[in-house]
Protein backbone atom coordinates (compact mmCIF):
# COMPACT_ATOMS: atom_id res chain seq x y z
CA MET A 1 -15.99 -71.32 -37.47
CA ALA A 2 -14.85 -72.64 -40.86
CA LEU A 3 -13.69 -69.17 -41.91
CA GLN A 4 -11.72 -68.83 -38.69
CA ARG A 5 -10.04 -72.20 -39.26
CA ASP A 6 -9.23 -71.29 -42.88
CA TYR A 7 -7.70 -68.02 -41.68
CA ILE A 8 -5.51 -69.81 -39.15
CA LEU A 9 -4.41 -72.39 -41.73
CA ARG A 10 -3.48 -69.62 -44.19
CA LEU A 11 -1.47 -67.85 -41.49
CA LEU A 12 0.33 -71.07 -40.60
CA ASP A 13 1.13 -71.72 -44.25
CA GLN A 14 2.50 -68.20 -44.62
CA LEU A 15 4.56 -68.64 -41.48
CA ARG A 16 6.08 -71.87 -42.80
CA GLU A 17 7.04 -70.07 -46.01
CA PHE A 18 8.52 -67.14 -44.10
CA LEU A 19 10.44 -69.36 -41.70
CA THR A 20 11.79 -71.50 -44.54
CA GLN A 21 13.07 -68.38 -46.29
CA ILE A 22 14.54 -67.01 -43.05
CA VAL A 23 16.33 -70.26 -42.20
CA ARG A 24 17.74 -70.47 -45.74
CA LEU A 25 19.09 -66.93 -45.47
CA ARG A 26 20.58 -67.58 -42.04
CA GLU A 27 22.21 -70.83 -43.20
CA ALA A 28 23.52 -69.08 -46.31
CA GLU A 29 25.34 -66.73 -43.93
CA ARG A 30 23.16 -63.78 -44.89
CA PRO A 31 22.05 -62.71 -41.41
CA ASP A 32 21.08 -59.16 -42.37
CA ASP A 33 18.83 -60.47 -45.13
CA ALA A 34 17.33 -62.93 -42.65
CA LEU A 35 16.57 -60.09 -40.22
CA LEU A 36 14.94 -58.10 -43.02
CA ALA A 37 12.85 -61.14 -43.97
CA ILE A 38 11.74 -61.48 -40.34
CA LEU A 39 10.60 -57.86 -40.27
CA GLN A 40 8.76 -58.28 -43.58
CA ALA A 41 7.08 -61.43 -42.28
CA GLN A 42 5.92 -59.61 -39.17
CA GLU A 43 4.48 -56.79 -41.26
CA ARG A 44 2.59 -59.17 -43.56
CA LEU A 45 1.33 -61.42 -40.82
CA PHE A 46 0.28 -58.73 -38.38
CA GLY A 47 -0.61 -55.80 -40.60
CA ARG A 48 1.63 -53.39 -38.72
CA GLU A 49 4.91 -51.72 -39.50
CA ALA A 50 7.47 -53.98 -37.86
CA SER A 51 9.67 -51.15 -36.59
CA LEU A 52 6.71 -49.78 -34.61
CA PHE A 53 5.48 -53.17 -33.48
CA MET A 54 8.92 -54.20 -32.23
CA GLN A 55 9.07 -51.13 -29.97
CA PHE A 56 6.20 -52.56 -27.91
CA ALA A 57 6.98 -54.40 -24.68
CA PRO A 58 6.00 -58.09 -24.88
CA GLU A 59 2.77 -57.44 -22.97
CA GLU A 60 1.84 -54.70 -25.46
CA GLN A 61 2.64 -57.01 -28.37
CA PHE A 62 0.40 -59.61 -26.78
CA ARG A 63 -2.48 -57.14 -26.49
CA ALA A 64 -1.99 -55.95 -30.07
CA LEU A 65 -1.90 -59.50 -31.41
CA THR A 66 -4.90 -60.74 -29.46
CA PHE A 67 -7.28 -57.77 -29.33
CA GLY A 68 -10.62 -58.75 -30.83
CA GLU A 69 -9.37 -62.18 -31.93
CA ALA A 70 -10.95 -65.55 -31.21
CA ALA A 71 -8.87 -67.75 -28.89
CA ASP A 72 -7.46 -69.96 -31.68
CA GLU A 73 -6.47 -66.98 -33.82
CA ALA A 74 -4.97 -65.12 -30.87
CA ARG A 75 -2.94 -68.15 -29.82
CA ALA A 76 -1.77 -68.77 -33.40
CA LYS A 77 -0.64 -65.15 -33.79
CA CYS A 78 1.29 -65.27 -30.52
CA VAL A 79 2.97 -68.54 -31.49
CA MET A 80 3.86 -67.12 -34.91
CA GLN A 81 5.39 -64.01 -33.38
CA ALA A 82 7.31 -66.17 -30.89
CA ASP A 83 8.63 -68.29 -33.78
CA LEU A 84 9.75 -65.18 -35.63
CA LEU A 85 11.40 -63.84 -32.47
CA SER A 86 13.14 -67.20 -32.00
CA GLU A 87 14.56 -66.98 -35.52
CA MET A 88 15.61 -63.41 -34.81
CA ALA A 89 17.44 -64.66 -31.71
CA ARG A 90 19.23 -67.33 -33.76
CA VAL A 91 20.36 -64.71 -36.26
CA TYR A 92 21.66 -62.54 -33.42
CA VAL A 93 23.54 -65.52 -31.98
CA TYR A 94 25.10 -66.06 -35.41
CA LYS A 95 26.09 -62.38 -35.49
CA GLU A 96 27.56 -62.80 -31.99
CA GLN A 97 25.14 -60.26 -30.55
CA GLN A 98 24.24 -62.20 -27.43
CA ALA A 99 22.39 -59.38 -25.66
CA LEU A 100 20.04 -58.90 -28.63
CA ALA A 101 19.57 -62.66 -28.90
CA LEU A 102 18.70 -62.89 -25.22
CA GLY A 103 16.21 -60.04 -25.61
CA ALA A 104 14.48 -61.77 -28.53
CA TRP A 105 14.31 -65.06 -26.60
CA GLN A 106 12.88 -63.23 -23.57
CA TYR A 107 10.18 -61.58 -25.71
CA ALA A 108 9.28 -64.96 -27.19
CA ARG A 109 9.08 -66.51 -23.71
CA VAL A 110 6.80 -63.79 -22.34
CA LEU A 111 4.49 -63.96 -25.38
CA LEU A 112 4.21 -67.72 -25.09
CA GLU A 113 3.60 -67.59 -21.34
CA LEU A 114 0.86 -64.99 -21.77
CA ALA A 115 -0.72 -67.04 -24.56
CA ALA A 116 -0.56 -70.22 -22.47
CA GLU A 117 -2.23 -68.45 -19.57
CA LYS A 118 -5.03 -66.80 -21.54
CA PHE A 119 -5.42 -69.18 -24.50
CA PRO A 120 -4.15 -72.62 -23.44
CA GLY A 121 -3.70 -75.10 -26.22
CA PRO A 122 -1.51 -77.89 -27.54
CA GLY A 123 2.18 -77.30 -28.04
CA ILE A 124 2.61 -74.07 -26.11
CA ASP A 125 4.15 -75.63 -23.00
CA GLU A 126 6.75 -77.42 -25.13
CA ARG A 127 7.60 -74.16 -26.90
CA ILE A 128 8.00 -72.36 -23.58
CA ALA A 129 10.35 -75.10 -22.36
CA ALA A 130 12.41 -74.87 -25.56
CA VAL A 131 12.72 -71.09 -25.29
CA ARG A 132 13.72 -71.36 -21.63
CA ARG A 133 16.47 -73.82 -22.62
CA GLU A 134 17.79 -71.37 -25.21
CA ILE A 135 17.81 -68.58 -22.61
CA THR A 136 19.73 -70.79 -20.19
CA LEU A 137 22.30 -71.61 -22.88
CA LEU A 138 22.93 -67.92 -23.55
CA ARG A 139 23.54 -67.03 -19.91
């Protein structure tokens, strides 16, 4: 159990570092660099080539992220991917690519909803509500 908790804490620390870098790049008006950083973060966090992973439907991403994982780890991975997708959506909004932004928000919503259903835990419902608000704003 302690090893599992350490693993989750390391992943969360890595995510914070990735997200900080991504936000800095986006705010520095370097959206393409931010997108590249998102893809690199996905590869490091999930051990898969991002271009292949991103071709999966949200349900397939969910299965890939959660297969063989304990509930806490599975939930954490889904939340991390949803956070990365949310940043991707913000970059697409900045680039005025609303359809791509909407797609990223939708993926994040589905991942969070699946995680909430299978691995309920604190904070997921609030994240789902926030993503739904972003989707409504884009429509």
